[in-house]
């Protein structure tokens, strides 16, 4: 009887620890994906900011042209 309980306890611990490591792997994978998404978003924001700055530069250059009458 004690041996049966011991075997059940070992099996239960095995299943639980296997489940925990599975959850851990999933969380790690999710974290990596989140980091990739965050990095991707940062890159997009950076490109967008540079594009906006470039657009302003080009527009202001045109405006400084004496032949062009923009304010």
PDB file of N, CA and C in Angstrom:
ATOM      1  N   UNK A   1       0.832  -1.204   0.000  1.00  0.00           N
ATOM      2  CA  UNK A   1       0.000   0.000   0.000  1.00  0.00           C
ATOM      3  C   UNK A   1       0.872   1.263   0.000  1.00  0.00           C
ATOM      4  N   UNK A   2       1.880   1.280   0.865  1.00  0.00           N
ATOM      5  CA  UNK A   2       2.779   2.439   0.940  1.00  0.00           C
ATOM      6  C   UNK A   2       3.528   2.613  -0.376  1.00  0.00           C
ATOM      7  N   UNK A   3       3.960   1.483  -0.967  1.00  0.00           N
ATOM      8  CA  UNK A   3       4.688   1.537  -2.236  1.00  0.00           C
ATOM      9  C   UNK A   3       3.804   2.095  -3.347  1.00  0.00           C
ATOM     10  N   UNK A   4       2.521   1.736  -3.305  1.00  0.00           N
ATOM     11  CA  UNK A   4       1.577   2.258  -4.305  1.00  0.00           C
ATOM     12  C   UNK A   4       1.446   3.768  -4.159  1.00  0.00           C
ATOM     13  N   UNK A   5       1.311   4.220  -2.915  1.00  0.00           N
ATOM     14  CA  UNK A   5       1.210   5.666  -2.657  1.00  0.00           C
ATOM     15  C   UNK A   5       2.478   6.379  -3.112  1.00  0.00           C
ATOM     16  N   UNK A   6       3.615   5.749  -2.838  1.00  0.00           N
ATOM     17  CA  UNK A   6       4.902   6.330  -3.221  1.00  0.00           C
ATOM     18  C   UNK A   6       4.994   6.449  -4.751  1.00  0.00           C
ATOM     19  N   UNK A   7       4.554   5.391  -5.456  1.00  0.00           N
ATOM     20  CA  UNK A   7       4.591   5.387  -6.920  1.00  0.00           C
ATOM     21  C   UNK A   7       3.661   6.475  -7.470  1.00  0.00           C
ATOM     22  N   UNK A   8       2.462   6.573  -6.897  1.00  0.00           N
ATOM     23  CA  UNK A   8       1.499   7.595  -7.337  1.00  0.00           C
ATOM     24  C   UNK A   8       2.071   8.991  -7.101  1.00  0.00           C
ATOM     25  N   UNK A   9       2.698   9.180  -5.941  1.00  0.00           N
ATOM     26  CA  UNK A   9       3.302  10.478  -5.619  1.00  0.00           C
ATOM     27  C   UNK A   9       4.398  10.827  -6.619  1.00  0.00           C
ATOM     28  N   UNK A  10       5.249   9.844  -6.943  1.00  0.00           N
ATOM     29  CA  UNK A  10       6.329  10.082  -7.909  1.00  0.00           C
ATOM     30  C   UNK A  10       5.766  10.434  -9.280  1.00  0.00           C
ATOM     31  N   UNK A  11       4.736   9.686  -9.694  1.00  0.00           N
ATOM     32  CA  UNK A  11       4.121   9.943 -11.003  1.00  0.00           C
ATOM     33  C   UNK A  11       3.487  11.332 -11.034  1.00  0.00           C
ATOM     34  N   UNK A  12       2.817  11.673  -9.940  1.00  0.00           N
ATOM     35  CA  UNK A  12       2.167  12.987  -9.851  1.00  0.00           C
ATOM     36  C   UNK A  12       3.203  14.101  -9.925  1.00  0.00           C
ATOM     37  N   UNK A  13       4.280  13.936  -9.182  1.00  0.00           N
ATOM     38  CA  UNK A  13       5.361  14.931  -9.199  1.00  0.00           C
ATOM     39  C   UNK A  13       5.947  15.038 -10.603  1.00  0.00           C
ATOM     40  N   UNK A  14       6.122  13.893 -11.260  1.00  0.00           N
ATOM     41  CA  UNK A  14       6.646  13.882 -12.629  1.00  0.00           C
ATOM     42  C   UNK A  14       5.744  14.640 -13.581  1.00  0.00           C
ATOM     43  N   UNK A  15       4.441  14.375 -13.491  1.00  0.00           N
ATOM     44  CA  UNK A  15       3.475  15.048 -14.369  1.00  0.00           C
ATOM     45  C   UNK A  15       3.453  16.546 -14.088  1.00  0.00           C
ATOM     46  N   UNK A  16       3.439  16.906 -12.812  1.00  0.00           N
ATOM     47  CA  UNK A  16       3.401  18.324 -12.429  1.00  0.00           C
ATOM     48  C   UNK A  16       4.658  19.044 -12.906  1.00  0.00           C
ATOM     49  N   UNK A  17       5.830  18.443 -12.680  1.00  0.00           N
ATOM     50  CA  UNK A  17       7.069  19.126 -13.091  1.00  0.00           C
ATOM     51  C   UNK A  17       7.164  19.202 -14.611  1.00  0.00           C
ATOM     52  N   UNK A  18       6.650  18.177 -15.302  1.00  0.00           N
ATOM     53  CA  UNK A  18       6.625  18.214 -16.766  1.00  0.00           C
ATOM     54  C   UNK A  18       5.709  19.344 -17.235  1.00  0.00           C
ATOM     55  N   UNK A  19       4.557  19.476 -16.580  1.00  0.00           N
ATOM     56  CA  UNK A  19       3.613  20.557 -16.913  1.00  0.00           C
ATOM     57  C   UNK A  19       4.224  21.922 -16.669  1.00  0.00           C
ATOM     58  N   UNK A  20       4.931  22.048 -15.553  1.00  0.00           N
ATOM     59  CA  UNK A  20       5.566  23.330 -15.213  1.00  0.00           C
ATOM     60  C   UNK A  20       6.635  23.688 -16.240  1.00  0.00           C
ATOM     61  N   UNK A  21       7.450  22.702 -16.645  1.00  0.00           N
ATOM     62  CA  UNK A  21       8.498  23.018 -17.625  1.00  0.00           C
ATOM     63  C   UNK A  21       7.885  23.341 -18.983  1.00  0.00           C
ATOM     64  N   UNK A  22       6.746  22.707 -19.300  1.00  0.00           N
ATOM     65  CA  UNK A  22       6.043  23.007 -20.554  1.00  0.00           C
ATOM     66  C   UNK A  22       5.533  24.452 -20.534  1.00  0.00           C
ATOM     67  N   UNK A  23       4.942  24.849 -19.409  1.00  0.00           N
ATOM     68  CA  UNK A  23       4.448  26.224 -19.242  1.00  0.00           C
ATOM     69  C   UNK A  23       5.620  27.205 -19.329  1.00  0.00           C
ATOM     70  N   UNK A  24       6.732  26.837 -18.692  1.00  0.00           N
ATOM     71  CA  UNK A  24       7.929  27.684 -18.704  1.00  0.00           C
ATOM     72  C   UNK A  24       8.426  27.899 -20.133  1.00  0.00           C
ATOM     73  N   UNK A  25       8.458  26.814 -20.923  1.00  0.00           N
ATOM     74  CA  UNK A  25       8.891  26.928 -22.327  1.00  0.00           C
ATOM     75  C   UNK A  25       7.946  27.837 -23.106  1.00  0.00           C
ATOM     76  N   UNK A  26       6.642  27.669 -22.868  1.00  0.00           N
ATOM     77  CA  UNK A  26       5.669  28.510 -23.573  1.00  0.00           C
ATOM     78  C   UNK A  26       5.828  29.982 -23.207  1.00  0.00           C
ATOM     79  N   UNK A  27       6.047  30.250 -21.921  1.00  0.00           N
ATOM     80  CA  UNK A  27       6.227  31.637 -21.474  1.00  0.00           C
ATOM     81  C   UNK A  27       7.498  32.240 -22.057  1.00  0.00           C
ATOM     82  N   UNK A  28       8.558  31.439 -22.106  1.00  0.00           N
ATOM     83  CA  UNK A  28       9.820  31.905 -22.687  1.00  0.00           C
ATOM     84  C   UNK A  28       9.624  32.250 -24.157  1.00  0.00           C
ATOM     85  N   UNK A  29       8.916  31.374 -24.860  1.00  0.00           N
ATOM     86  CA  UNK A  29       8.635  31.598 -26.279  1.00  0.00           C
ATOM     87  C   UNK A  29       7.796  32.862 -26.467  1.00  0.00           C
ATOM     88  N   UNK A  30       6.805  33.026 -25.607  1.00  0.00           N
ATOM     89  CA  UNK A  30       5.933  34.206 -25.671  1.00  0.00           C
ATOM     90  C   UNK A  30       6.731  35.478 -25.407  1.00  0.00           C
ATOM     91  N   UNK A  31       7.642  35.401 -24.449  1.00  0.00           N
ATOM     92  CA  UNK A  31       8.490  36.549 -24.117  1.00  0.00           C
ATOM     93  C   UNK A  31       9.371  36.932 -25.303  1.00  0.00           C
ATOM     94  N   UNK A  32       9.962  35.919 -25.966  1.00  0.00           N
ATOM     95  CA  UNK A  32      10.800  36.189 -27.143  1.00  0.00           C
ATOM     96  C   UNK A  32       9.977  36.841 -28.245  1.00  0.00           C
ATOM     97  N   UNK A  33       8.763  36.317 -28.460  1.00  0.00           N
ATOM     98  CA  UNK A  33       7.882  36.887 -29.487  1.00  0.00           C
ATOM     99  C   UNK A  33       7.536  38.329 -29.137  1.00  0.00           C
ATOM    100  N   UNK A  34       7.230  38.580 -27.861  1.00  0.00           N
ATOM    101  CA  UNK A  34       6.908  39.940 -27.415  1.00  0.00           C
ATOM    102  C   UNK A  34       8.078  40.884 -27.662  1.00  0.00           C
ATOM    103  N   UNK A  35       9.288  40.414 -27.383  1.00  0.00           N
ATOM    104  CA  UNK A  35      10.481  41.241 -27.608  1.00  0.00           C
ATOM    105  C   UNK A  35      10.641  41.558 -29.087  1.00  0.00           C
ATOM    106  N   UNK A  36      10.400  40.537 -29.936  1.00  0.00           N
ATOM    107  CA  UNK A  36      10.512  40.760 -31.384  1.00  0.00           C
ATOM    108  C   UNK A  36       9.488  41.788 -31.847  1.00  0.00           C
ATOM    109  N   UNK A  37       8.262  41.661 -31.333  1.00  0.00           N
ATOM    110  CA  UNK A  37       7.206  42.613 -31.711  1.00  0.00           C
ATOM    111  C   UNK A  37       7.590  44.013 -31.241  1.00  0.00           C
ATOM    112  N   UNK A  38       8.081  44.122 -30.003  1.00  0.00           N
ATOM    113  CA  UNK A  38       8.486  45.417 -29.458  1.00  0.00           C
ATOM    114  C   UNK A  38       9.612  46.024 -30.289  1.00  0.00           C
ATOM    115  N   UNK A  39      10.622  45.198 -30.615  1.00  0.00           N
ATOM    116  CA  UNK A  39      11.742  45.683 -31.431  1.00  0.00           C
ATOM    117  C   UNK A  39      11.263  46.113 -32.807  1.00  0.00           C
ATOM    118  N   UNK A  40      10.363  45.333 -33.383  1.00  0.00           N
ATOM    119  CA  UNK A  40       9.796  45.673 -34.690  1.00  0.00           C
ATOM    120  C   UNK A  40       9.057  46.992 -34.640  1.00  0.00           C
ATOM    121  N   UNK A  41       8.294  47.189 -33.574  1.00  0.00           N
ATOM    122  CA  UNK A  41       7.548  48.439 -33.401  1.00  0.00           C
ATOM    123  C   UNK A  41       8.507  49.611 -33.266  1.00  0.00           C
ATOM    124  N   UNK A  42       9.591  49.415 -32.516  1.00  0.00           N
ATOM    125  CA  UNK A  42      10.602  50.468 -32.347  1.00  0.00           C
ATOM    126  C   UNK A  42      11.227  50.840 -33.684  1.00  0.00           C
ATOM    127  N   UNK A  43      11.523  49.818 -34.496  1.00  0.00           N
ATOM    128  CA  UNK A  43      12.121  50.065 -35.813  1.00  0.00           C
ATOM    129  C   UNK A  43      11.153  50.863 -36.681  1.00  0.00           C
ATOM    130  N   UNK A  44       9.879  50.460 -36.659  1.00  0.00           N
ATOM    131  CA  UNK A  44       8.864  51.170 -37.457  1.00  0.00           C
ATOM    132  C   UNK A  44       8.754  52.625 -36.991  1.00  0.00           C
ATOM    133  N   UNK A  45       8.722  52.842 -35.663  1.00  0.00           N
ATOM    134  CA  UNK A  45       8.644  54.211 -35.124  1.00  0.00           C
ATOM    135  C   UNK A  45       9.860  55.025 -35.552  1.00  0.00           C
ATOM    136  N   UNK A  46      11.031  54.400 -35.495  1.00  0.00           N
ATOM    137  CA  UNK A  46      12.274  55.069 -35.869  1.00  0.00           C
ATOM    138  C   UNK A  46      12.243  55.469 -37.341  1.00  0.00           C
ATOM    139  N   UNK A  47      11.817  54.535 -38.196  1.00  0.00           N
ATOM    140  CA  UNK A  47      11.734  54.826 -39.635  1.00  0.00           C
ATOM    141  C   UNK A  47      10.738  55.954 -39.871  1.00  0.00           C
ATOM    142  N   UNK A  48       9.604  55.879 -39.198  1.00  0.00           N
ATOM    143  CA  UNK A  48       8.560  56.888 -39.351  1.00  0.00           C
ATOM    144  C   UNK A  48       9.064  58.271 -38.928  1.00  0.00           C
ATOM    145  N   UNK A  49       9.803  58.315 -37.805  1.00  0.00           N
ATOM    146  CA  UNK A  49      10.348  59.583 -37.312  1.00  0.00           C
ATOM    147  C   UNK A  49      11.363  60.155 -38.302  1.00  0.00           C
ATOM    148  N   UNK A  50      12.214  59.284 -38.845  1.00  0.00           N
ATOM    149  CA  UNK A  50      13.220  59.739 -39.816  1.00  0.00           C
ATOM    150  C   UNK A  50      12.547  60.239 -41.088  1.00  0.00           C
ATOM    151  N   UNK A  51      11.518  59.522 -41.500  1.00  0.00           N
ATOM    152  CA  UNK A  51      10.786  59.909 -42.703  1.00  0.00           C
ATOM    153  C   UNK A  51      10.140  61.283 -42.501  1.00  0.00           C
ATOM    154  N   UNK A  52       9.562  61.484 -41.326  1.00  0.00           N
ATOM    155  CA  UNK A  52       8.921  62.754 -40.998  1.00  0.00           C
ATOM    156  C   UNK A  52       9.946  63.892 -40.974  1.00  0.00           C
ATOM    157  N   UNK A  53      11.104  63.633 -40.363  1.00  0.00           N
ATOM    158  CA  UNK A  53      12.164  64.647 -40.288  1.00  0.00           C
ATOM    159  C   UNK A  53      12.674  64.992 -41.685  1.00  0.00           C
ATOM    160  N   UNK A  54      12.833  63.966 -42.508  1.00  0.00           N
ATOM    161  CA  UNK A  54      13.306  64.168 -43.875  1.00  0.00           C
ATOM    162  C   UNK A  54      12.300  65.000 -44.670  1.00  0.00           C
ATOM    163  N   UNK A  55      11.031  64.679 -44.470  1.00  0.00           N
ATOM    164  CA  UNK A  55       9.966  65.415 -45.161  1.00  0.00           C
ATOM    165  C   UNK A  55       9.994  66.893 -44.761  1.00  0.00           C
ATOM    166  N   UNK A  56      10.178  67.159 -43.470  1.00  0.00           N
ATOM    167  CA  UNK A  56      10.250  68.549 -42.980  1.00  0.00           C
ATOM    168  C   UNK A  56      11.453  69.275 -43.575  1.00  0.00           C
ATOM    169  N   UNK A  57      12.583  68.566 -43.625  1.00  0.00           N
ATOM    170  CA  UNK A  57      13.798  69.164 -44.194  1.00  0.00           C
ATOM    171  C   UNK A  57      13.579  69.545 -45.651  1.00  0.00           C
ATOM    172  N   UNK A  58      13.011  68.620 -46.398  1.00  0.00           N
ATOM    173  CA  UNK A  58      12.784  68.869 -47.825  1.00  0.00           C
ATOM    174  C   UNK A  58      11.818  70.028 -48.026  1.00  0.00           C
ATOM    175  N   UNK A  59      10.774  70.054 -47.211  1.00  0.00           N
ATOM    176  CA  UNK A  59       9.774  71.118 -47.318  1.00  0.00           C
ATOM    177  C   UNK A  59      10.386  72.466 -46.960  1.00  0.00           C
ATOM    178  N   UNK A  60      11.187  72.494 -45.886  1.00  0.00           N
ATOM    179  CA  UNK A  60      11.786  73.765 -45.466  1.00  0.00           C
ATOM    180  C   UNK A  60      12.821  74.247 -46.486  1.00  0.00           C
ATOM    181  N   UNK A  61      13.526  73.325 -47.132  1.00  0.00           N
ATOM    182  CA  UNK A  61      14.487  73.715 -48.172  1.00  0.00           C
ATOM    183  C   UNK A  61      13.774  74.406 -49.329  1.00  0.00           C
ATOM    184  N   UNK A  62      12.627  73.858 -49.689  1.00  0.00           N
ATOM    185  CA  UNK A  62      11.844  74.454 -50.775  1.00  0.00           C
ATOM    186  C   UNK A  62      11.381  75.849 -50.360  1.00  0.00           C
ATOM    187  N   UNK A  63      10.992  75.971 -49.089  1.00  0.00           N
ATOM    188  CA  UNK A  63      10.483  77.253 -48.605  1.00  0.00           C
ATOM    189  C   UNK A  63      11.573  78.318 -48.526  1.00  0.00           C
ATOM    190  N   UNK A  64      12.819  77.890 -48.335  1.00  0.00           N
ATOM    191  CA  UNK A  64      13.903  78.870 -48.271  1.00  0.00           C
ATOM    192  C   UNK A  64      14.340  79.320 -49.663  1.00  0.00           C
ATOM    193  N   UNK A  65      13.835  78.670 -50.662  1.00  0.00           N
ATOM    194  CA  UNK A  65      14.162  79.037 -52.039  1.00  0.00           C
ATOM    195  C   UNK A  65      13.495  80.378 -52.359  1.00  0.00           C
ATOM    196  N   UNK A  66      14.254  81.422 -52.696  1.00  0.00           N
ATOM    197  CA  UNK A  66      13.686  82.760 -52.930  1.00  0.00           C
ATOM    198  C   UNK A  66      12.652  82.784 -54.064  1.00  0.00           C
ATOM    199  N   UNK A  67      12.786  81.892 -55.030  1.00  0.00           N
ATOM    200  CA  UNK A  67      11.843  81.890 -56.150  1.00  0.00           C
ATOM    201  C   UNK A  67      10.491  81.299 -55.748  1.00  0.00           C
ATOM    202  N   UNK A  68      10.450  80.670 -54.583  1.00  0.00           N
ATOM    203  CA  UNK A  68       9.196  80.055 -54.131  1.00  0.00           C
ATOM    204  C   UNK A  68       8.573  80.946 -53.054  1.00  0.00           C
ATOM    205  N   UNK A  69       7.311  81.248 -53.164  1.00  0.00           N
ATOM    206  CA  UNK A  69       6.675  82.177 -52.212  1.00  0.00           C
ATOM    207  C   UNK A  69       5.881  81.445 -51.144  1.00  0.00           C
ATOM    208  N   UNK A  70       6.512  80.530 -50.438  1.00  0.00           N
ATOM    209  CA  UNK A  70       5.762  79.888 -49.349  1.00  0.00           C
ATOM    210  C   UNK A  70       6.259  80.428 -48.020  1.00  0.00           C
ATOM    211  N   UNK A  71       5.393  80.469 -47.069  1.00  0.00           N
ATOM    212  CA  UNK A  71       5.719  81.055 -45.750  1.00  0.00           C
ATOM    213  C   UNK A  71       6.254  79.977 -44.831  1.00  0.00           C
TER     214      UNK A  71
END
